[in-house]
Amino acid sequence: MAEKRHRIFLDSNVLLSGLISDRGAPRRLLDILALDLPVLTGLTGRYNLIEIERNIRKKAPDVWPVFHSYLPKLKLEIIPLPSPDEVRRLSGAADPKDVPVLASAAQGRADFLVTGDKKFFSAADASRQLAFPVIGPAEFLDRILPSILKKL
């Protein structure tokens, strides 16, 4: 029987940080997802990609080539924009600008939402509406990934 593929939803800040810097947990996580391991599936939302593109245009236009060459290597499953009903259902679970991210992760049946946004953690921890933990990239790499890789 095939091992379960763990669905890892990447928030915009993890993707952007991993693209901008070739060091640190976000880049290591992207590099691991680029390996296309049979136990990991990377996800992000259309909402997140729109945010990333807006930020690159505004703050780091020199990252465009890296974004366009690296993104296909990740083979991310792109979750469509959440419906207003999905966003409304999770209203109050996080800052209003982050609720579409939670809705996208839920829609994508994520096992983990990986973000570098510290405010996201406290709001998501307070919410009992989520079926997945919200964790940082370093925590995912140090605590979660080793137990997943043991199954290989």
C-alpha atoms as a PDB file:
ATOM      1  CA  MET A   1       0.000   0.000   0.000  1.00  0.00           C
ATOM      2  CA  ALA A   2       1.250   3.485  -0.884  1.00  0.00           C
ATOM      3  CA  GLU A   3       2.222   5.824   1.929  1.00  0.00           C
ATOM      4  CA  LYS A   4       0.029   8.826   2.636  1.00  0.00           C
ATOM      5  CA  ARG A   5       1.063  12.030   0.884  1.00  0.00           C
ATOM      6  CA  HIS A   6       1.139  14.820   3.453  1.00  0.00           C
ATOM      7  CA  ARG A   7      -0.404  17.999   2.077  1.00  0.00           C
ATOM      8  CA  ILE A   8       1.702  21.044   2.991  1.00  0.00           C
ATOM      9  CA  PHE A   9       0.057  24.421   2.339  1.00  0.00           C
ATOM     10  CA  LEU A  10       2.609  27.217   1.970  1.00  0.00           C
ATOM     11  CA  ASP A  11       1.654  30.745   2.925  1.00  0.00           C
ATOM     12  CA  SER A  12       2.834  33.604   0.709  1.00  0.00           C
ATOM     13  CA  ASN A  13       5.566  34.692   3.103  1.00  0.00           C
ATOM     14  CA  VAL A  14       7.183  31.231   3.081  1.00  0.00           C
ATOM     15  CA  LEU A  15       7.228  31.100  -0.711  1.00  0.00           C
ATOM     16  CA  LEU A  16       8.498  34.661  -1.050  1.00  0.00           C
ATOM     17  CA  SER A  17      11.171  34.248   1.640  1.00  0.00           C
ATOM     18  CA  GLY A  18      12.347  31.007   0.055  1.00  0.00           C
ATOM     19  CA  LEU A  19      12.610  32.659  -3.344  1.00  0.00           C
ATOM     20  CA  ILE A  20      14.433  35.758  -2.105  1.00  0.00           C
ATOM     21  CA  SER A  21      17.006  34.005   0.070  1.00  0.00           C
ATOM     22  CA  ASP A  22      18.844  30.774  -0.638  1.00  0.00           C
ATOM     23  CA  ARG A  23      19.287  30.253   3.110  1.00  0.00           C
ATOM     24  CA  GLY A  24      16.960  29.500   5.973  1.00  0.00           C
ATOM     25  CA  ALA A  25      14.030  27.221   6.625  1.00  0.00           C
ATOM     26  CA  PRO A  26      11.720  28.604   3.893  1.00  0.00           C
ATOM     27  CA  ARG A  27      14.296  27.863   1.151  1.00  0.00           C
ATOM     28  CA  ARG A  28      15.113  24.437   2.610  1.00  0.00           C
ATOM     29  CA  LEU A  29      11.409  23.615   2.592  1.00  0.00           C
ATOM     30  CA  LEU A  30      11.078  24.715  -1.046  1.00  0.00           C
ATOM     31  CA  ASP A  31      14.141  22.658  -1.979  1.00  0.00           C
ATOM     32  CA  ILE A  32      12.656  19.588  -0.300  1.00  0.00           C
ATOM     33  CA  LEU A  33       9.342  20.041  -2.109  1.00  0.00           C
ATOM     34  CA  ALA A  34      11.248  20.397  -5.406  1.00  0.00           C
ATOM     35  CA  LEU A  35      12.557  16.848  -4.841  1.00  0.00           C
ATOM     36  CA  ASP A  36       8.995  15.578  -5.453  1.00  0.00           C
ATOM     37  CA  LEU A  37       9.176  13.040  -2.620  1.00  0.00           C
ATOM     38  CA  PRO A  38       6.367  10.476  -2.653  1.00  0.00           C
ATOM     39  CA  VAL A  39       5.184  11.493   0.845  1.00  0.00           C
ATOM     40  CA  LEU A  40       4.845  15.277   0.325  1.00  0.00           C
ATOM     41  CA  THR A  41       2.543  17.424  -1.767  1.00  0.00           C
ATOM     42  CA  GLY A  42       3.049  21.171  -1.743  1.00  0.00           C
ATOM     43  CA  LEU A  43       0.018  23.433  -2.007  1.00  0.00           C
ATOM     44  CA  THR A  44      -0.636  27.113  -2.154  1.00  0.00           C
ATOM     45  CA  GLY A  45      -3.622  29.209  -3.078  1.00  0.00           C
ATOM     46  CA  ARG A  46      -4.375  31.367  -6.088  1.00  0.00           C
ATOM     47  CA  TYR A  47      -4.950  34.072  -3.432  1.00  0.00           C
ATOM     48  CA  ASN A  48      -1.347  33.569  -2.244  1.00  0.00           C
ATOM     49  CA  LEU A  49       0.082  33.714  -5.763  1.00  0.00           C
ATOM     50  CA  ILE A  50      -1.725  36.994  -6.425  1.00  0.00           C
ATOM     51  CA  GLU A  51      -0.240  38.385  -3.206  1.00  0.00           C
ATOM     52  CA  ILE A  52       3.261  37.140  -4.103  1.00  0.00           C
ATOM     53  CA  GLU A  53       3.118  38.638  -7.603  1.00  0.00           C
ATOM     54  CA  ARG A  54       1.908  41.968  -6.190  1.00  0.00           C
ATOM     55  CA  ASN A  55       4.738  42.023  -3.635  1.00  0.00           C
ATOM     56  CA  ILE A  56       7.401  41.089  -6.172  1.00  0.00           C
ATOM     57  CA  ARG A  57       6.241  43.831  -8.549  1.00  0.00           C
ATOM     58  CA  LYS A  58       6.164  46.409  -5.759  1.00  0.00           C
ATOM     59  CA  LYS A  59       9.146  45.463  -3.577  1.00  0.00           C
ATOM     60  CA  ALA A  60      11.496  43.055  -5.388  1.00  0.00           C
ATOM     61  CA  PRO A  61      11.184  43.096  -9.177  1.00  0.00           C
ATOM     62  CA  ASP A  62      14.576  41.398  -9.505  1.00  0.00           C
ATOM     63  CA  VAL A  63      12.976  38.230  -8.016  1.00  0.00           C
ATOM     64  CA  TRP A  64      10.734  37.732 -11.114  1.00  0.00           C
ATOM     65  CA  PRO A  65      13.187  35.419 -12.903  1.00  0.00           C
ATOM     66  CA  VAL A  66      13.667  33.294  -9.779  1.00  0.00           C
ATOM     67  CA  PHE A  67       9.899  33.151  -9.215  1.00  0.00           C
ATOM     68  CA  HIS A  68       9.184  32.042 -12.776  1.00  0.00           C
ATOM     69  CA  SER A  69      11.989  29.483 -12.948  1.00  0.00           C
ATOM     70  CA  TYR A  70      11.628  28.010  -9.444  1.00  0.00           C
ATOM     71  CA  LEU A  71       7.835  27.840  -9.099  1.00  0.00           C
ATOM     72  CA  PRO A  72       7.340  25.062 -11.712  1.00  0.00           C
ATOM     73  CA  LYS A  73      10.009  22.934  -9.988  1.00  0.00           C
ATOM     74  CA  LEU A  74       7.865  22.866  -6.857  1.00  0.00           C
ATOM     75  CA  LYS A  75       4.924  21.237  -8.671  1.00  0.00           C
ATOM     76  CA  LEU A  76       2.579  22.960  -6.235  1.00  0.00           C
ATOM     77  CA  GLU A  77      -1.098  22.179  -6.348  1.00  0.00           C
ATOM     78  CA  ILE A  78      -2.759  25.578  -6.769  1.00  0.00           C
ATOM     79  CA  ILE A  79      -6.012  25.906  -4.836  1.00  0.00           C
ATOM     80  CA  PRO A  80      -8.602  28.158  -6.534  1.00  0.00           C
ATOM     81  CA  LEU A  81      -9.772  31.352  -4.877  1.00  0.00           C
ATOM     82  CA  PRO A  82     -12.109  30.475  -2.002  1.00  0.00           C
ATOM     83  CA  SER A  83     -15.769  31.331  -2.344  1.00  0.00           C
ATOM     84  CA  PRO A  84     -17.242  34.149  -0.236  1.00  0.00           C
ATOM     85  CA  ASP A  85     -19.139  31.477   1.737  1.00  0.00           C
ATOM     86  CA  GLU A  86     -15.897  29.639   2.570  1.00  0.00           C
ATOM     87  CA  VAL A  87     -14.289  32.876   3.689  1.00  0.00           C
ATOM     88  CA  ARG A  88     -17.349  33.852   5.733  1.00  0.00           C
ATOM     89  CA  ARG A  89     -17.388  30.440   7.454  1.00  0.00           C
ATOM     90  CA  LEU A  90     -13.863  31.048   8.789  1.00  0.00           C
ATOM     91  CA  SER A  91     -14.385  34.704   9.608  1.00  0.00           C
ATOM     92  CA  GLY A  92     -12.902  35.430  13.016  1.00  0.00           C
ATOM     93  CA  ALA A  93     -10.418  32.547  12.842  1.00  0.00           C
ATOM     94  CA  ALA A  94      -7.620  34.957  11.856  1.00  0.00           C
ATOM     95  CA  ASP A  95      -6.967  38.511  10.738  1.00  0.00           C
ATOM     96  CA  PRO A  96      -9.438  39.306   7.908  1.00  0.00           C
ATOM     97  CA  LYS A  97      -6.629  39.462   5.309  1.00  0.00           C
ATOM     98  CA  ASP A  98      -5.501  35.953   6.345  1.00  0.00           C
ATOM     99  CA  VAL A  99      -8.920  34.275   6.310  1.00  0.00           C
ATOM    100  CA  PRO A 100      -8.748  33.564   2.541  1.00  0.00           C
ATOM    101  CA  VAL A 101      -5.463  31.739   3.202  1.00  0.00           C
ATOM    102  CA  LEU A 102      -7.136  29.566   5.855  1.00  0.00           C
ATOM    103  CA  ALA A 103     -10.075  28.953   3.526  1.00  0.00           C
ATOM    104  CA  SER A 104      -7.712  27.955   0.716  1.00  0.00           C
ATOM    105  CA  ALA A 105      -5.809  25.573   2.998  1.00  0.00           C
ATOM    106  CA  ALA A 106      -9.086  24.029   4.164  1.00  0.00           C
ATOM    107  CA  GLN A 107     -10.347  23.743   0.590  1.00  0.00           C
ATOM    108  CA  GLY A 108      -7.063  22.022  -0.353  1.00  0.00           C
ATOM    109  CA  ARG A 109      -7.445  19.521   2.509  1.00  0.00           C
ATOM    110  CA  ALA A 110      -4.087  20.601   3.953  1.00  0.00           C
ATOM    111  CA  ASP A 111      -2.479  18.559   6.682  1.00  0.00           C
ATOM    112  CA  PHE A 112      -0.341  21.564   7.689  1.00  0.00           C
ATOM    113  CA  LEU A 113      -0.371  25.283   6.968  1.00  0.00           C
ATOM    114  CA  VAL A 114       3.199  26.577   7.021  1.00  0.00           C
ATOM    115  CA  THR A 115       3.612  30.314   7.587  1.00  0.00           C
ATOM    116  CA  GLY A 116       6.175  32.699   8.962  1.00  0.00           C
ATOM    117  CA  ASP A 117       3.500  35.113  10.180  1.00  0.00           C
ATOM    118  CA  LYS A 118       3.611  35.021  13.991  1.00  0.00           C
ATOM    119  CA  LYS A 119       0.218  36.785  14.301  1.00  0.00           C
ATOM    120  CA  PHE A 120      -1.295  33.958  12.273  1.00  0.00           C
ATOM    121  CA  PHE A 121      -0.250  31.414  14.927  1.00  0.00           C
ATOM    122  CA  SER A 122      -2.038  33.010  17.865  1.00  0.00           C
ATOM    123  CA  ALA A 123      -5.248  33.639  15.941  1.00  0.00           C
ATOM    124  CA  ALA A 124      -5.249  30.152  14.420  1.00  0.00           C
ATOM    125  CA  ASP A 125      -4.401  28.554  17.793  1.00  0.00           C
ATOM    126  CA  ALA A 126      -7.382  30.305  19.338  1.00  0.00           C
ATOM    127  CA  SER A 127      -9.639  28.954  16.594  1.00  0.00           C
ATOM    128  CA  ARG A 128     -11.053  25.476  16.926  1.00  0.00           C
ATOM    129  CA  GLN A 129     -12.402  25.653  13.354  1.00  0.00           C
ATOM    130  CA  LEU A 130      -9.216  24.368  11.721  1.00  0.00           C
ATOM    131  CA  ALA A 131      -8.589  20.741  10.800  1.00  0.00           C
ATOM    132  CA  PHE A 132      -4.839  21.338  10.455  1.00  0.00           C
ATOM    133  CA  PRO A 133      -2.069  22.863  12.561  1.00  0.00           C
ATOM    134  CA  VAL A 134      -0.551  26.239  11.653  1.00  0.00           C
ATOM    135  CA  ILE A 135       3.226  26.017  12.077  1.00  0.00           C
ATOM    136  CA  GLY A 136       6.411  27.793  11.064  1.00  0.00           C
ATOM    137  CA  PRO A 137       8.791  26.475   8.419  1.00  0.00           C
ATOM    138  CA  ALA A 138      11.576  25.664  10.918  1.00  0.00           C
ATOM    139  CA  GLU A 139       9.159  23.769  13.147  1.00  0.00           C
ATOM    140  CA  PHE A 140       7.887  21.802  10.159  1.00  0.00           C
ATOM    141  CA  LEU A 141      11.436  20.888   9.111  1.00  0.00           C
ATOM    142  CA  ASP A 142      12.685  20.091  12.620  1.00  0.00           C
ATOM    143  CA  ARG A 143       9.676  18.396  14.181  1.00  0.00           C
ATOM    144  CA  ILE A 144       7.247  17.156  11.493  1.00  0.00           C
ATOM    145  CA  LEU A 145       9.373  16.272   8.469  1.00  0.00           C
ATOM    146  CA  PRO A 146      11.635  13.735  10.236  1.00  0.00           C
ATOM    147  CA  SER A 147       8.636  11.644  11.283  1.00  0.00           C
ATOM    148  CA  ILE A 148       7.232  11.798   7.736  1.00  0.00           C
ATOM    149  CA  LEU A 149      10.561  10.797   6.176  1.00  0.00           C
ATOM    150  CA  LYS A 150      10.961   7.814   8.520  1.00  0.00           C
ATOM    151  CA  LYS A 151       8.138   6.212   6.537  1.00  0.00           C
ATOM    152  CA  LEU A 152      10.182   6.230   3.308  1.00  0.00           C
END
